[in-house]
Amino acid sequence: MAEPTHSINATGLADILERVLDKGIVIAGDIKIQIADIDLLTIKIRLLIASVDKAMEMGINWWQEDTYLSTKAREKELNEKQEELNKRLEKLEAQNFPS
């Protein structure tokens, strides 16, 4: 028979989650594989848990520049590529059809 849960437990969990997102928490660790004092593999793991507002306050906003996550970043990249292609086209046209 399962014990009934109380709203106090849910409130406690919500409070903890709110504090973590408000303040942020960092978990860091390194994994290193060595044989005879020779590093074969090093993996650095860094995990930050925070709200978006807190992350931006700390200067972390990589998702805004990631073309897979941001439509604005994707549009910016496409516009830059289009400008580059237009310049290349103008250069080719100038070479083939001099005025």
N, C-alpha and C. Protein backbone atom coordinates (compact mmCIF):
# COMPACT_ATOMS: atom_id res chain seq x y z
N MET A 1 0.84 -1.18 0.00
CA MET A 1 0.00 0.00 0.00
C MET A 1 0.88 1.25 0.00
N ALA A 2 0.67 2.14 -0.92
CA ALA A 2 1.48 3.36 -1.05
C ALA A 2 1.05 4.39 -0.02
N GLU A 3 2.05 5.06 0.53
CA GLU A 3 1.74 6.11 1.50
C GLU A 3 1.27 7.36 0.78
N PRO A 4 0.31 8.05 1.34
CA PRO A 4 -0.15 9.29 0.70
C PRO A 4 0.93 10.36 0.79
N THR A 5 1.05 11.13 -0.26
CA THR A 5 2.00 12.24 -0.25
C THR A 5 1.31 13.49 0.25
N HIS A 6 2.06 14.32 0.90
CA HIS A 6 1.51 15.54 1.48
C HIS A 6 1.95 16.74 0.66
N SER A 7 1.15 17.76 0.66
CA SER A 7 1.50 18.97 -0.08
C SER A 7 2.75 19.63 0.49
N ILE A 8 3.09 19.33 1.74
CA ILE A 8 4.30 19.90 2.34
C ILE A 8 5.53 19.41 1.58
N ASN A 9 5.55 18.10 1.23
CA ASN A 9 6.68 17.55 0.47
C ASN A 9 6.79 18.21 -0.90
N ALA A 10 5.68 18.39 -1.58
CA ALA A 10 5.68 19.01 -2.90
C ALA A 10 6.14 20.46 -2.80
N THR A 11 5.70 21.16 -1.77
CA THR A 11 6.12 22.55 -1.58
C THR A 11 7.61 22.61 -1.30
N GLY A 12 8.12 21.69 -0.49
CA GLY A 12 9.55 21.66 -0.20
C GLY A 12 10.37 21.44 -1.45
N LEU A 13 9.95 20.52 -2.31
CA LEU A 13 10.64 20.26 -3.56
C LEU A 13 10.58 21.47 -4.48
N ALA A 14 9.40 22.10 -4.55
CA ALA A 14 9.25 23.30 -5.38
C ALA A 14 10.15 24.42 -4.88
N ASP A 15 10.25 24.57 -3.56
CA ASP A 15 11.13 25.60 -2.99
C ASP A 15 12.59 25.33 -3.33
N ILE A 16 12.99 24.07 -3.22
CA ILE A 16 14.38 23.71 -3.54
C ILE A 16 14.66 23.99 -5.01
N LEU A 17 13.75 23.58 -5.88
CA LEU A 17 13.94 23.82 -7.31
C LEU A 17 14.00 25.30 -7.62
N GLU A 18 13.14 26.08 -6.98
CA GLU A 18 13.14 27.53 -7.20
C GLU A 18 14.46 28.14 -6.76
N ARG A 19 14.98 27.70 -5.62
CA ARG A 19 16.28 28.22 -5.14
C ARG A 19 17.42 27.85 -6.08
N VAL A 20 17.42 26.60 -6.54
CA VAL A 20 18.49 26.16 -7.44
C VAL A 20 18.45 26.96 -8.73
N LEU A 21 17.26 27.15 -9.30
CA LEU A 21 17.15 27.90 -10.54
C LEU A 21 17.47 29.37 -10.33
N ASP A 22 17.13 29.90 -9.17
CA ASP A 22 17.39 31.32 -8.89
C ASP A 22 18.87 31.58 -8.64
N LYS A 23 19.50 30.73 -7.88
CA LYS A 23 20.92 30.93 -7.53
C LYS A 23 21.85 30.25 -8.51
N GLY A 24 21.43 29.11 -9.03
CA GLY A 24 22.28 28.34 -9.93
C GLY A 24 23.11 27.34 -9.15
N ILE A 25 23.49 26.28 -9.81
CA ILE A 25 24.36 25.28 -9.20
C ILE A 25 25.31 24.78 -10.28
N VAL A 26 26.55 24.56 -9.91
CA VAL A 26 27.56 24.09 -10.86
C VAL A 26 28.07 22.73 -10.38
N ILE A 27 28.11 21.79 -11.28
CA ILE A 27 28.68 20.48 -11.00
C ILE A 27 29.84 20.30 -11.98
N ALA A 28 31.01 20.02 -11.46
CA ALA A 28 32.19 19.91 -12.32
C ALA A 28 32.94 18.62 -12.00
N GLY A 29 33.52 18.03 -13.02
CA GLY A 29 34.31 16.83 -12.82
C GLY A 29 35.19 16.55 -14.02
N ASP A 30 36.25 15.81 -13.77
CA ASP A 30 37.18 15.43 -14.83
C ASP A 30 37.33 13.92 -14.83
N ILE A 31 37.40 13.35 -16.00
CA ILE A 31 37.68 11.93 -16.16
C ILE A 31 38.98 11.84 -16.95
N LYS A 32 39.96 11.13 -16.40
CA LYS A 32 41.25 11.04 -17.08
C LYS A 32 41.66 9.57 -17.14
N ILE A 33 42.05 9.13 -18.33
CA ILE A 33 42.53 7.77 -18.52
C ILE A 33 44.01 7.86 -18.86
N GLN A 34 44.81 7.16 -18.03
CA GLN A 34 46.26 7.19 -18.20
C GLN A 34 46.81 5.77 -18.19
N ILE A 35 47.86 5.58 -18.94
CA ILE A 35 48.64 4.35 -18.87
C ILE A 35 50.11 4.76 -18.78
N ALA A 36 50.76 4.31 -17.72
CA ALA A 36 52.19 4.62 -17.50
C ALA A 36 52.45 6.12 -17.58
N ASP A 37 51.64 6.90 -16.87
CA ASP A 37 51.76 8.36 -16.81
C ASP A 37 51.61 9.05 -18.17
N ILE A 38 50.96 8.40 -19.12
CA ILE A 38 50.67 9.01 -20.42
C ILE A 38 49.17 9.21 -20.50
N ASP A 39 48.75 10.45 -20.69
CA ASP A 39 47.33 10.75 -20.81
C ASP A 39 46.80 10.23 -22.15
N LEU A 40 45.85 9.33 -22.07
CA LEU A 40 45.21 8.82 -23.29
C LEU A 40 43.93 9.56 -23.60
N LEU A 41 43.20 9.94 -22.55
CA LEU A 41 41.91 10.59 -22.74
C LEU A 41 41.60 11.44 -21.52
N THR A 42 41.18 12.66 -21.76
CA THR A 42 40.72 13.54 -20.69
C THR A 42 39.38 14.11 -21.09
N ILE A 43 38.41 13.95 -20.23
CA ILE A 43 37.07 14.49 -20.46
C ILE A 43 36.75 15.43 -19.31
N LYS A 44 36.45 16.66 -19.65
CA LYS A 44 36.06 17.64 -18.64
C LYS A 44 34.55 17.83 -18.72
N ILE A 45 33.90 17.63 -17.60
CA ILE A 45 32.44 17.74 -17.55
C ILE A 45 32.08 18.93 -16.67
N ARG A 46 31.31 19.84 -17.23
CA ARG A 46 30.83 21.01 -16.49
C ARG A 46 29.33 21.09 -16.71
N LEU A 47 28.57 21.18 -15.64
CA LEU A 47 27.12 21.25 -15.72
C LEU A 47 26.66 22.43 -14.89
N LEU A 48 25.91 23.31 -15.51
CA LEU A 48 25.33 24.46 -14.82
C LEU A 48 23.83 24.34 -14.90
N ILE A 49 23.19 24.39 -13.75
CA ILE A 49 21.73 24.37 -13.70
C ILE A 49 21.29 25.71 -13.15
N ALA A 50 20.56 26.46 -13.97
CA ALA A 50 20.09 27.78 -13.56
C ALA A 50 18.93 28.17 -14.47
N SER A 51 18.20 29.17 -14.05
CA SER A 51 17.13 29.69 -14.90
C SER A 51 17.76 30.46 -16.06
N VAL A 52 17.00 30.67 -17.10
CA VAL A 52 17.49 31.41 -18.26
C VAL A 52 17.89 32.83 -17.84
N ASP A 53 17.07 33.46 -17.01
CA ASP A 53 17.39 34.81 -16.55
C ASP A 53 18.70 34.85 -15.79
N LYS A 54 18.92 33.88 -14.91
CA LYS A 54 20.15 33.83 -14.12
C LYS A 54 21.35 33.56 -15.03
N ALA A 55 21.19 32.66 -15.99
CA ALA A 55 22.28 32.36 -16.91
C ALA A 55 22.66 33.60 -17.71
N MET A 56 21.67 34.33 -18.21
CA MET A 56 21.95 35.54 -18.97
C MET A 56 22.60 36.61 -18.08
N GLU A 57 22.18 36.66 -16.83
CA GLU A 57 22.79 37.60 -15.88
C GLU A 57 24.27 37.28 -15.68
N MET A 58 24.62 35.98 -15.77
CA MET A 58 26.01 35.55 -15.63
C MET A 58 26.78 35.65 -16.94
N GLY A 59 26.10 36.06 -18.02
CA GLY A 59 26.77 36.22 -19.30
C GLY A 59 26.78 34.95 -20.14
N ILE A 60 25.94 34.00 -19.78
CA ILE A 60 25.86 32.75 -20.54
C ILE A 60 24.62 32.81 -21.42
N ASN A 61 24.84 32.80 -22.74
CA ASN A 61 23.71 32.87 -23.67
C ASN A 61 24.02 32.14 -24.97
N TRP A 62 24.74 31.04 -24.89
CA TRP A 62 25.16 30.31 -26.08
C TRP A 62 23.99 29.84 -26.91
N TRP A 63 22.86 29.59 -26.32
CA TRP A 63 21.71 29.10 -27.08
C TRP A 63 21.17 30.15 -28.04
N GLN A 64 21.47 31.43 -27.80
CA GLN A 64 21.01 32.48 -28.70
C GLN A 64 21.82 32.52 -29.98
N GLU A 65 23.05 31.99 -29.95
CA GLU A 65 23.93 31.98 -31.11
C GLU A 65 23.97 30.62 -31.81
N ASP A 66 23.36 29.61 -31.22
CA ASP A 66 23.36 28.26 -31.79
C ASP A 66 22.31 28.18 -32.89
N THR A 67 22.73 27.87 -34.10
CA THR A 67 21.80 27.85 -35.24
C THR A 67 20.79 26.70 -35.15
N TYR A 68 21.06 25.71 -34.34
CA TYR A 68 20.11 24.62 -34.16
C TYR A 68 19.02 24.97 -33.15
N LEU A 69 19.30 25.94 -32.29
CA LEU A 69 18.35 26.29 -31.23
C LEU A 69 17.66 27.62 -31.43
N SER A 70 18.24 28.49 -32.25
CA SER A 70 17.71 29.84 -32.39
C SER A 70 17.37 30.15 -33.84
N THR A 71 16.13 30.54 -34.08
CA THR A 71 15.71 30.94 -35.42
C THR A 71 16.44 32.19 -35.87
N LYS A 72 16.63 33.14 -34.95
CA LYS A 72 17.34 34.38 -35.29
C LYS A 72 18.78 34.09 -35.71
N ALA A 73 19.45 33.19 -34.99
CA ALA A 73 20.83 32.84 -35.34
C ALA A 73 20.87 32.16 -36.70
N ARG A 74 19.88 31.31 -36.98
CA ARG A 74 19.82 30.61 -38.28
C ARG A 74 19.60 31.61 -39.40
N GLU A 75 18.69 32.56 -39.19
CA GLU A 75 18.43 33.58 -40.21
C GLU A 75 19.67 34.43 -40.44
N LYS A 76 20.37 34.78 -39.37
CA LYS A 76 21.59 35.58 -39.49
C LYS A 76 22.63 34.83 -40.31
N GLU A 77 22.81 33.55 -40.01
CA GLU A 77 23.78 32.74 -40.75
C GLU A 77 23.40 32.64 -42.23
N LEU A 78 22.12 32.42 -42.51
CA LEU A 78 21.67 32.33 -43.90
C LEU A 78 21.87 33.65 -44.64
N ASN A 79 21.59 34.77 -43.97
CA ASN A 79 21.79 36.08 -44.60
C ASN A 79 23.27 36.31 -44.91
N GLU A 80 24.15 35.91 -43.99
CA GLU A 80 25.59 36.07 -44.22
C GLU A 80 26.04 35.21 -45.40
N LYS A 81 25.54 33.98 -45.47
CA LYS A 81 25.90 33.11 -46.59
C LYS A 81 25.37 33.67 -47.91
N GLN A 82 24.16 34.22 -47.88
CA GLN A 82 23.58 34.79 -49.09
C GLN A 82 24.40 36.00 -49.55
N GLU A 83 24.83 36.84 -48.62
CA GLU A 83 25.66 37.99 -48.99
C GLU A 83 26.98 37.53 -49.60
N GLU A 84 27.57 36.50 -49.01
CA GLU A 84 28.83 35.96 -49.53
C GLU A 84 28.64 35.41 -50.94
N LEU A 85 27.55 34.69 -51.15
CA LEU A 85 27.28 34.16 -52.49
C LEU A 85 27.03 35.26 -53.50
N ASN A 86 26.31 36.31 -53.11
CA ASN A 86 26.08 37.45 -54.01
C ASN A 86 27.38 38.12 -54.40
N LYS A 87 28.31 38.27 -53.45
CA LYS A 87 29.61 38.88 -53.75
C LYS A 87 30.40 38.00 -54.72
N ARG A 88 30.36 36.69 -54.50
CA ARG A 88 31.07 35.77 -55.39
C ARG A 88 30.46 35.81 -56.79
N LEU A 89 29.14 35.88 -56.86
CA LEU A 89 28.46 35.95 -58.15
C LEU A 89 28.84 37.23 -58.89
N GLU A 90 28.84 38.35 -58.17
CA GLU A 90 29.23 39.63 -58.80
C GLU A 90 30.65 39.57 -59.32
N LYS A 91 31.53 38.93 -58.54
CA LYS A 91 32.93 38.81 -58.96
C LYS A 91 33.04 37.95 -60.23
N LEU A 92 32.31 36.84 -60.27
CA LEU A 92 32.33 35.98 -61.45
C LEU A 92 31.75 36.68 -62.67
N GLU A 93 30.67 37.41 -62.47
CA GLU A 93 30.06 38.14 -63.58
C GLU A 93 31.01 39.22 -64.10
N ALA A 94 31.73 39.86 -63.19
CA ALA A 94 32.69 40.90 -63.60
C ALA A 94 33.83 40.29 -64.42
N GLN A 95 34.24 39.07 -64.06
CA GLN A 95 35.31 38.40 -64.80
C GLN A 95 34.85 37.93 -66.17
N ASN A 96 33.63 37.43 -66.26
CA ASN A 96 33.13 36.88 -67.51
C ASN A 96 32.51 37.92 -68.44
N PHE A 97 31.97 38.98 -67.85
CA PHE A 97 31.32 40.02 -68.65
C PHE A 97 31.88 41.39 -68.24
N PRO A 98 33.14 41.67 -68.62
CA PRO A 98 33.71 42.98 -68.23
C PRO A 98 32.97 44.12 -68.93
N SER A 99 32.85 45.23 -68.22
CA SER A 99 32.14 46.36 -68.83
C SER A 99 33.06 47.36 -69.46
